[in-house]
Structures are given as C-alpha cells and as structure tokens.
Amino acid sequence: MNPVKHVAIIMDGNGRWGLNHKKSRNAGHKAGLNSVKNIIVETLNQNINHLTLFAFSTENWKRPKKEVIYLFNLLENFLIKNLDDLHEKNIKLKIIGNIKFSKKLNKLLKTSEKKTFKNSKLQLNLAINYGSKFELINALKLLNKSKFSISENNLSKFLYTRNIPDPDILIRTGNTKRLSNFMLWQLAYTEIFFEKKLWPDFDKNDFKKIIEKFSTIKRNYGNI
C-alpha cells in the first residue's frame, strides 16, 4: 500500500458551478469553501501530512476586478472565521506564492502563519498568487546568487515548497485536463487524477476513492 504524505488540489469549476446554480460566479467561489472545509477534515482523518490547495494563480489577475476583490475578501473572511479552529486542530498554515497583496491581507497571512507555526498534525499550504514558471525563475536567480552549485537538490532549496515533500497525488476537479502552471517541478512523479465534478460538488467520498485508487498503483519511478 502506498502511503500518502502530500495531496495537492487544483480546485477548478467554482465559477461554472455558480453560473449553473445561482447565475453568479461569485456564488460558486463561496460554495467552494464548503468543499475546502470538508476536504481538510478528511485529510486529517486520513492522517495525511500535507495538503496544498491552489487558491489563486498569477494568471487569475486577468479576471474581472470585482471577481478578484471578491476572492480576496473570501480568503480574508475564511481566515478570520476559521483560524482558531485550524489552530485547535493542530494545523499549520503555510502560504506559497508571490505574497504581494494589501497591507491588511499581508498582515493577516503573516499572523496566520505565525500563530500556527508549531502545529504538526497537518500542514495546509495555500498557493496564492502562485505560478510555477515564476517560482522556477525566482529559484534559479536565488540559486545563482548563492554559494551552492546548480543541481536538482540545490534548486529545490529555493522553491516556495522547500522542506515540503513533493505531492504523491494531484487532484484537479472541473473536468479539465491540464496543470495550469501549477507545481511543474514538484509534480514530476506525482499520480494525477482528473475529476469531472466541479469543485463545490467534490466531497469526502470522492476524495477517499482517489486515496484508495492511489493505494493500488505500482509506483516504479523509472524502474521496472
């Protein structure tokens, strides 16, 4: 049986769900938070150490300004309302991405990381303003300035995900089969599961089925 240490999720389909059900993309983003909470709980139940959620990409800035503002308001409200609960559940919060937001949000993100820093049951990585190509270029620049030689191991030291194991599983909801500039380096040997359901419809049973399927896969890493 393959142990699962890290699951990464591209939470796709919120906007389409909102248009289908409420005629509003923002309604889908709000509904998607319920799936976030449910999957966090199930990740804890499965004794998985790391969960990475792709919350906002560097390309998402191209969306309508009102939608972007709504998304960050949702994030702020989620952290304000749920930070104590995350802390009580022994969850460590880590932000990965180019953290350049409003002073209010930057302070909230730093406070959330600081408060939960010593927690050890689960590390919840939120990928916000994250783009893998930018991450790799930034890491190469930092590596070039350092005393280290160029190697896979040394490059990994300058990624946002340093000290985080590469994902065993990537789940993308929304019936879209692409990586969308997400963790391109880290996903080299990750098992990828494309799910037809839109993110707000994805539940703990769907999550458990994927974990069970993963346990049956023979992982060769290039060997016979």
C-alpha atoms as a PDB file:
ATOM      1  CA  MET A   1       0.000   0.000   0.000  1.00  0.00           C
ATOM      2  CA  ASN A   2       1.342   3.418  -0.979  1.00  0.00           C
ATOM      3  CA  PRO A   3       1.445   5.858   1.942  1.00  0.00           C
ATOM      4  CA  VAL A   4       0.116   9.335   1.159  1.00  0.00           C
ATOM      5  CA  LYS A   5       2.150  12.187   2.600  1.00  0.00           C
ATOM      6  CA  HIS A   6       1.030  15.041   0.366  1.00  0.00           C
ATOM      7  CA  VAL A   7      -2.069  15.755  -1.718  1.00  0.00           C
ATOM      8  CA  ALA A   8      -2.273  18.815  -3.976  1.00  0.00           C
ATOM      9  CA  ILE A   9      -5.560  20.040  -5.439  1.00  0.00           C
ATOM     10  CA  ILE A  10      -6.443  22.386  -8.295  1.00  0.00           C
ATOM     11  CA  MET A  11      -9.899  23.496  -7.167  1.00  0.00           C
ATOM     12  CA  ASP A  12     -11.417  24.100 -10.579  1.00  0.00           C
ATOM     13  CA  GLY A  13     -15.040  24.724 -11.516  1.00  0.00           C
ATOM     14  CA  ASN A  14     -16.261  27.188  -8.886  1.00  0.00           C
ATOM     15  CA  GLY A  15     -17.269  29.838 -11.405  1.00  0.00           C
ATOM     16  CA  ARG A  16     -19.067  27.374 -13.663  1.00  0.00           C
ATOM     17  CA  TRP A  17     -20.876  25.875 -10.674  1.00  0.00           C
ATOM     18  CA  GLY A  18     -22.029  29.341  -9.637  1.00  0.00           C
ATOM     19  CA  LEU A  19     -23.327  30.189 -13.093  1.00  0.00           C
ATOM     20  CA  ASN A  20     -25.153  26.854 -13.305  1.00  0.00           C
ATOM     21  CA  HIS A  21     -26.795  27.119  -9.893  1.00  0.00           C
ATOM     22  CA  LYS A  22     -27.023  30.789  -8.929  1.00  0.00           C
ATOM     23  CA  LYS A  23     -26.184  32.608 -12.171  1.00  0.00           C
ATOM     24  CA  SER A  24     -23.192  34.114 -10.368  1.00  0.00           C
ATOM     25  CA  ARG A  25     -19.530  33.061 -10.486  1.00  0.00           C
ATOM     26  CA  ASN A  26     -19.001  34.506  -7.009  1.00  0.00           C
ATOM     27  CA  ALA A  27     -21.700  32.225  -5.589  1.00  0.00           C
ATOM     28  CA  GLY A  28     -19.618  29.297  -6.831  1.00  0.00           C
ATOM     29  CA  HIS A  29     -16.491  30.600  -5.135  1.00  0.00           C
ATOM     30  CA  LYS A  30     -18.422  30.887  -1.864  1.00  0.00           C
ATOM     31  CA  ALA A  31     -19.863  27.377  -2.237  1.00  0.00           C
ATOM     32  CA  GLY A  32     -16.372  26.046  -2.872  1.00  0.00           C
ATOM     33  CA  LEU A  33     -15.359  26.930   0.695  1.00  0.00           C
ATOM     34  CA  ASN A  34     -17.584  24.127   1.987  1.00  0.00           C
ATOM     35  CA  SER A  35     -15.572  21.645  -0.063  1.00  0.00           C
ATOM     36  CA  VAL A  36     -12.353  23.163   1.309  1.00  0.00           C
ATOM     37  CA  LYS A  37     -13.517  22.610   4.891  1.00  0.00           C
ATOM     38  CA  ASN A  38     -14.720  19.060   4.180  1.00  0.00           C
ATOM     39  CA  ILE A  39     -11.509  18.028   2.440  1.00  0.00           C
ATOM     40  CA  ILE A  40      -9.371  19.467   5.245  1.00  0.00           C
ATOM     41  CA  VAL A  41     -11.299  17.326   7.748  1.00  0.00           C
ATOM     42  CA  GLU A  42     -10.969  14.211   5.580  1.00  0.00           C
ATOM     43  CA  THR A  43      -7.248  14.865   5.082  1.00  0.00           C
ATOM     44  CA  LEU A  44      -6.897  14.855   8.870  1.00  0.00           C
ATOM     45  CA  ASN A  45      -8.920  11.629   9.052  1.00  0.00           C
ATOM     46  CA  GLN A  46      -6.597  10.020   6.518  1.00  0.00           C
ATOM     47  CA  ASN A  47      -3.501  11.083   8.512  1.00  0.00           C
ATOM     48  CA  ILE A  48      -2.049  12.882   5.504  1.00  0.00           C
ATOM     49  CA  ASN A  49       0.702  15.329   6.474  1.00  0.00           C
ATOM     50  CA  HIS A  50       0.434  17.923   3.704  1.00  0.00           C
ATOM     51  CA  LEU A  51      -2.464  19.385   1.730  1.00  0.00           C
ATOM     52  CA  THR A  52      -1.801  22.037  -0.913  1.00  0.00           C
ATOM     53  CA  LEU A  53      -4.723  23.997  -2.349  1.00  0.00           C
ATOM     54  CA  PHE A  54      -4.301  26.092  -5.498  1.00  0.00           C
ATOM     55  CA  ALA A  55      -6.346  29.112  -4.428  1.00  0.00           C
ATOM     56  CA  PHE A  56      -5.223  31.910  -6.787  1.00  0.00           C
ATOM     57  CA  SER A  57      -2.807  31.781  -9.702  1.00  0.00           C
ATOM     58  CA  THR A  58      -0.656  34.534 -11.160  1.00  0.00           C
ATOM     59  CA  GLU A  59      -2.918  34.338 -14.226  1.00  0.00           C
ATOM     60  CA  ASN A  60      -6.089  34.913 -12.171  1.00  0.00           C
ATOM     61  CA  TRP A  61      -5.335  38.644 -12.023  1.00  0.00           C
ATOM     62  CA  LYS A  62      -6.736  38.749 -15.578  1.00  0.00           C
ATOM     63  CA  ARG A  63     -10.234  38.040 -14.237  1.00  0.00           C
ATOM     64  CA  PRO A  64     -12.731  40.909 -13.758  1.00  0.00           C
ATOM     65  CA  LYS A  65     -11.643  43.225 -10.942  1.00  0.00           C
ATOM     66  CA  LYS A  66     -14.859  42.682  -8.967  1.00  0.00           C
ATOM     67  CA  GLU A  67     -14.325  38.919  -9.003  1.00  0.00           C
ATOM     68  CA  VAL A  68     -10.709  39.267  -7.853  1.00  0.00           C
ATOM     69  CA  ILE A  69     -11.765  41.566  -4.996  1.00  0.00           C
ATOM     70  CA  TYR A  70     -14.475  39.087  -4.008  1.00  0.00           C
ATOM     71  CA  LEU A  71     -11.989  36.201  -3.972  1.00  0.00           C
ATOM     72  CA  PHE A  72      -9.617  38.021  -1.634  1.00  0.00           C
ATOM     73  CA  ASN A  73     -12.496  39.079   0.611  1.00  0.00           C
ATOM     74  CA  LEU A  74     -13.492  35.405   0.805  1.00  0.00           C
ATOM     75  CA  LEU A  75      -9.933  34.477   1.761  1.00  0.00           C
ATOM     76  CA  GLU A  76      -9.803  37.152   4.453  1.00  0.00           C
ATOM     77  CA  ASN A  77     -13.147  36.100   5.922  1.00  0.00           C
ATOM     78  CA  PHE A  78     -12.184  32.419   5.795  1.00  0.00           C
ATOM     79  CA  LEU A  79      -9.009  33.033   7.779  1.00  0.00           C
ATOM     80  CA  ILE A  80     -10.666  35.354  10.286  1.00  0.00           C
ATOM     81  CA  LYS A  81     -13.500  32.892  10.947  1.00  0.00           C
ATOM     82  CA  ASN A  82     -11.532  29.640  10.809  1.00  0.00           C
ATOM     83  CA  LEU A  83      -8.011  30.386  12.037  1.00  0.00           C
ATOM     84  CA  ASP A  84      -8.766  29.460  15.651  1.00  0.00           C
ATOM     85  CA  ASP A  85     -10.387  26.209  14.530  1.00  0.00           C
ATOM     86  CA  LEU A  86      -7.406  25.346  12.309  1.00  0.00           C
ATOM     87  CA  HIS A  87      -5.105  26.071  15.242  1.00  0.00           C
ATOM     88  CA  GLU A  88      -7.135  23.888  17.611  1.00  0.00           C
ATOM     89  CA  LYS A  89      -6.971  21.046  15.079  1.00  0.00           C
ATOM     90  CA  ASN A  90      -3.151  21.320  15.157  1.00  0.00           C
ATOM     91  CA  ILE A  91      -2.975  22.525  11.531  1.00  0.00           C
ATOM     92  CA  LYS A  92      -0.009  24.574  10.350  1.00  0.00           C
ATOM     93  CA  LEU A  93      -0.798  27.160   7.677  1.00  0.00           C
ATOM     94  CA  LYS A  94       1.813  27.924   5.020  1.00  0.00           C
ATOM     95  CA  ILE A  95       1.394  30.426   2.177  1.00  0.00           C
ATOM     96  CA  ILE A  96       3.256  29.656  -1.053  1.00  0.00           C
ATOM     97  CA  GLY A  97       3.421  32.168  -3.873  1.00  0.00           C
ATOM     98  CA  ASN A  98       4.483  35.747  -4.503  1.00  0.00           C
ATOM     99  CA  ILE A  99       2.966  37.379  -1.409  1.00  0.00           C
ATOM    100  CA  LYS A 100       2.259  40.928  -2.583  1.00  0.00           C
ATOM    101  CA  PHE A 101      -1.234  41.950  -1.523  1.00  0.00           C
ATOM    102  CA  SER A 102      -2.859  44.708   0.504  1.00  0.00           C
ATOM    103  CA  LYS A 103      -1.284  45.591   3.870  1.00  0.00           C
ATOM    104  CA  LYS A 104      -4.352  44.148   5.606  1.00  0.00           C
ATOM    105  CA  LEU A 105      -4.161  40.794   3.826  1.00  0.00           C
ATOM    106  CA  ASN A 106      -0.368  40.558   4.102  1.00  0.00           C
ATOM    107  CA  LYS A 107      -0.626  41.116   7.863  1.00  0.00           C
ATOM    108  CA  LEU A 108      -3.409  38.532   8.174  1.00  0.00           C
ATOM    109  CA  LEU A 109      -1.407  35.934   6.230  1.00  0.00           C
ATOM    110  CA  LYS A 110       1.721  36.514   8.333  1.00  0.00           C
ATOM    111  CA  THR A 111      -0.301  36.405  11.559  1.00  0.00           C
ATOM    112  CA  SER A 112      -1.953  33.142  10.471  1.00  0.00           C
ATOM    113  CA  GLU A 113       1.404  31.536   9.674  1.00  0.00           C
ATOM    114  CA  LYS A 114       2.952  32.737  12.927  1.00  0.00           C
ATOM    115  CA  LYS A 115       0.065  31.540  15.105  1.00  0.00           C
ATOM    116  CA  THR A 116       0.068  28.037  13.610  1.00  0.00           C
ATOM    117  CA  PHE A 117       3.809  27.669  13.056  1.00  0.00           C
ATOM    118  CA  LYS A 118       4.400  24.990  15.703  1.00  0.00           C
ATOM    119  CA  ASN A 119       1.394  22.854  14.728  1.00  0.00           C
ATOM    120  CA  SER A 120       2.221  19.406  13.395  1.00  0.00           C
ATOM    121  CA  LYS A 121      -0.867  17.330  12.564  1.00  0.00           C
ATOM    122  CA  LEU A 122      -1.319  18.733   9.052  1.00  0.00           C
ATOM    123  CA  GLN A 123       0.420  21.421   7.030  1.00  0.00           C
ATOM    124  CA  LEU A 124      -2.095  23.283   4.887  1.00  0.00           C
ATOM    125  CA  ASN A 125      -0.307  25.019   2.019  1.00  0.00           C
ATOM    126  CA  LEU A 126      -2.330  27.743   0.300  1.00  0.00           C
ATOM    127  CA  ALA A 127      -0.955  28.574  -3.149  1.00  0.00           C
ATOM    128  CA  ILE A 128      -1.891  32.235  -3.611  1.00  0.00           C
ATOM    129  CA  ASN A 129      -0.597  34.421  -6.447  1.00  0.00           C
ATOM    130  CA  TYR A 130       1.289  31.285  -7.389  1.00  0.00           C
ATOM    131  CA  GLY A 131       2.773  30.474 -10.781  1.00  0.00           C
ATOM    132  CA  SER A 132       5.245  27.644 -11.261  1.00  0.00           C
ATOM    133  CA  LYS A 133       7.237  29.324 -14.045  1.00  0.00           C
ATOM    134  CA  PHE A 134       7.781  32.419 -11.888  1.00  0.00           C
ATOM    135  CA  GLU A 135       8.716  30.173  -8.951  1.00  0.00           C
ATOM    136  CA  LEU A 136      11.356  28.361 -11.032  1.00  0.00           C
ATOM    137  CA  ILE A 137      12.857  31.552 -12.460  1.00  0.00           C
ATOM    138  CA  ASN A 138      12.969  33.110  -8.998  1.00  0.00           C
ATOM    139  CA  ALA A 139      14.586  29.974  -7.559  1.00  0.00           C
ATOM    140  CA  LEU A 140      17.240  29.971 -10.300  1.00  0.00           C
ATOM    141  CA  LYS A 141      18.063  33.629  -9.607  1.00  0.00           C
ATOM    142  CA  LEU A 142      18.417  32.930  -5.887  1.00  0.00           C
ATOM    143  CA  LEU A 143      20.490  29.813  -6.526  1.00  0.00           C
ATOM    144  CA  ASN A 144      22.776  31.781  -8.850  1.00  0.00           C
ATOM    145  CA  LYS A 145      23.388  34.340  -6.093  1.00  0.00           C
ATOM    146  CA  SER A 146      24.092  31.646  -3.525  1.00  0.00           C
ATOM    147  CA  LYS A 147      27.230  29.619  -2.773  1.00  0.00           C
ATOM    148  CA  PHE A 148      25.576  26.426  -3.993  1.00  0.00           C
ATOM    149  CA  SER A 149      26.228  24.699  -7.304  1.00  0.00           C
ATOM    150  CA  ILE A 150      23.415  24.090  -9.763  1.00  0.00           C
ATOM    151  CA  SER A 151      21.722  20.760  -9.062  1.00  0.00           C
ATOM    152  CA  GLU A 152      18.210  19.413  -8.583  1.00  0.00           C
ATOM    153  CA  ASN A 153      18.662  19.219  -4.834  1.00  0.00           C
ATOM    154  CA  ASN A 154      20.033  22.757  -4.524  1.00  0.00           C
ATOM    155  CA  LEU A 155      17.357  24.258  -6.763  1.00  0.00           C
ATOM    156  CA  SER A 156      14.693  22.683  -4.560  1.00  0.00           C
ATOM    157  CA  LYS A 157      16.108  24.650  -1.610  1.00  0.00           C
ATOM    158  CA  PHE A 158      14.960  27.901  -3.218  1.00  0.00           C
ATOM    159  CA  LEU A 159      11.448  26.887  -4.254  1.00  0.00           C
ATOM    160  CA  TYR A 160       8.382  28.030  -2.314  1.00  0.00           C
ATOM    161  CA  THR A 161       7.966  24.369  -1.363  1.00  0.00           C
ATOM    162  CA  ARG A 162      11.374  23.875   0.275  1.00  0.00           C
ATOM    163  CA  ASN A 163      11.080  21.433   3.164  1.00  0.00           C
ATOM    164  CA  ILE A 164       7.735  20.224   1.772  1.00  0.00           C
ATOM    165  CA  PRO A 165       7.658  16.742   0.184  1.00  0.00           C
ATOM    166  CA  ASP A 166       6.571  16.577  -3.452  1.00  0.00           C
ATOM    167  CA  PRO A 167       2.890  15.654  -3.867  1.00  0.00           C
ATOM    168  CA  ASP A 168       2.036  11.970  -4.097  1.00  0.00           C
ATOM    169  CA  ILE A 169      -1.342  12.872  -5.589  1.00  0.00           C
ATOM    170  CA  LEU A 170      -2.623  15.774  -7.665  1.00  0.00           C
ATOM    171  CA  ILE A 171      -6.385  16.151  -7.989  1.00  0.00           C
ATOM    172  CA  ARG A 172      -7.911  18.559 -10.478  1.00  0.00           C
ATOM    173  CA  THR A 173     -11.654  18.981 -10.444  1.00  0.00           C
ATOM    174  CA  GLY A 174     -13.787  20.616 -13.135  1.00  0.00           C
ATOM    175  CA  ASN A 175     -13.280  18.133 -15.987  1.00  0.00           C
ATOM    176  CA  THR A 176     -10.190  19.975 -17.266  1.00  0.00           C
ATOM    177  CA  LYS A 177      -7.035  18.021 -18.048  1.00  0.00           C
ATOM    178  CA  ARG A 178      -4.087  20.370 -17.681  1.00  0.00           C
ATOM    179  CA  LEU A 179      -1.701  21.564 -14.965  1.00  0.00           C
ATOM    180  CA  SER A 180      -2.240  25.309 -15.479  1.00  0.00           C
ATOM    181  CA  ASN A 181       1.260  26.360 -14.386  1.00  0.00           C
ATOM    182  CA  PHE A 182       0.936  24.578 -11.035  1.00  0.00           C
ATOM    183  CA  MET A 183       3.935  22.911  -9.319  1.00  0.00           C
ATOM    184  CA  LEU A 184       5.531  21.856 -12.612  1.00  0.00           C
ATOM    185  CA  TRP A 185       8.801  20.884 -10.908  1.00  0.00           C
ATOM    186  CA  GLN A 186       7.213  19.168  -7.920  1.00  0.00           C
ATOM    187  CA  LEU A 187       4.749  17.053  -9.934  1.00  0.00           C
ATOM    188  CA  ALA A 188       7.408  15.137 -11.899  1.00  0.00           C
ATOM    189  CA  TYR A 189       6.422  11.770 -10.362  1.00  0.00           C
ATOM    190  CA  THR A 190       3.014  12.619  -8.955  1.00  0.00           C
ATOM    191  CA  GLU A 191      -0.030  10.472  -9.718  1.00  0.00           C
ATOM    192  CA  ILE A 192      -2.617  12.737 -11.372  1.00  0.00           C
ATOM    193  CA  PHE A 193      -6.375  12.333 -11.038  1.00  0.00           C
ATOM    194  CA  PHE A 194      -8.689  14.436 -13.207  1.00  0.00           C
ATOM    195  CA  GLU A 195     -12.163  14.631 -11.685  1.00  0.00           C
ATOM    196  CA  LYS A 196     -15.261  15.521 -13.731  1.00  0.00           C
ATOM    197  CA  LYS A 197     -17.093  17.072 -10.787  1.00  0.00           C
ATOM    198  CA  LEU A 198     -16.887  20.819 -10.259  1.00  0.00           C
ATOM    199  CA  TRP A 199     -15.113  21.752  -7.034  1.00  0.00           C
ATOM    200  CA  PRO A 200     -18.229  22.637  -4.951  1.00  0.00           C
ATOM    201  CA  ASP A 201     -19.628  19.153  -5.739  1.00  0.00           C
ATOM    202  CA  PHE A 202     -16.422  17.339  -4.771  1.00  0.00           C
ATOM    203  CA  ASP A 203     -16.870  15.663  -1.379  1.00  0.00           C
ATOM    204  CA  LYS A 204     -15.050  13.442   1.101  1.00  0.00           C
ATOM    205  CA  ASN A 205     -16.259  10.251  -0.601  1.00  0.00           C
ATOM    206  CA  ASP A 206     -14.716  11.378  -3.904  1.00  0.00           C
ATOM    207  CA  PHE A 207     -11.519  12.162  -2.016  1.00  0.00           C
ATOM    208  CA  LYS A 208     -11.474   8.767  -0.278  1.00  0.00           C
ATOM    209  CA  LYS A 209     -11.990   6.941  -3.599  1.00  0.00           C
ATOM    210  CA  ILE A 210      -8.924   8.645  -5.041  1.00  0.00           C
ATOM    211  CA  ILE A 211      -6.837   7.773  -1.971  1.00  0.00           C
ATOM    212  CA  GLU A 212      -7.970   4.142  -2.284  1.00  0.00           C
ATOM    213  CA  LYS A 213      -7.172   4.094  -6.008  1.00  0.00           C
ATOM    214  CA  PHE A 214      -3.726   5.525  -5.334  1.00  0.00           C
ATOM    215  CA  SER A 215      -3.012   2.735  -2.848  1.00  0.00           C
ATOM    216  CA  THR A 216      -3.293   0.158  -5.659  1.00  0.00           C
ATOM    217  CA  ILE A 217      -0.904   1.884  -8.072  1.00  0.00           C
ATOM    218  CA  LYS A 218       2.568   0.434  -8.521  1.00  0.00           C
ATOM    219  CA  ARG A 219       4.979   3.366  -8.482  1.00  0.00           C
ATOM    220  CA  ASN A 220       8.187   2.490 -10.357  1.00  0.00           C
ATOM    221  CA  TYR A 221       9.932   5.872 -10.607  1.00  0.00           C
ATOM    222  CA  GLY A 222      11.552   4.758 -13.859  1.00  0.00           C
ATOM    223  CA  ASN A 223      12.440   1.276 -12.604  1.00  0.00           C
ATOM    224  CA  ILE A 224      10.958  -1.991 -13.838  1.00  0.00           C
END
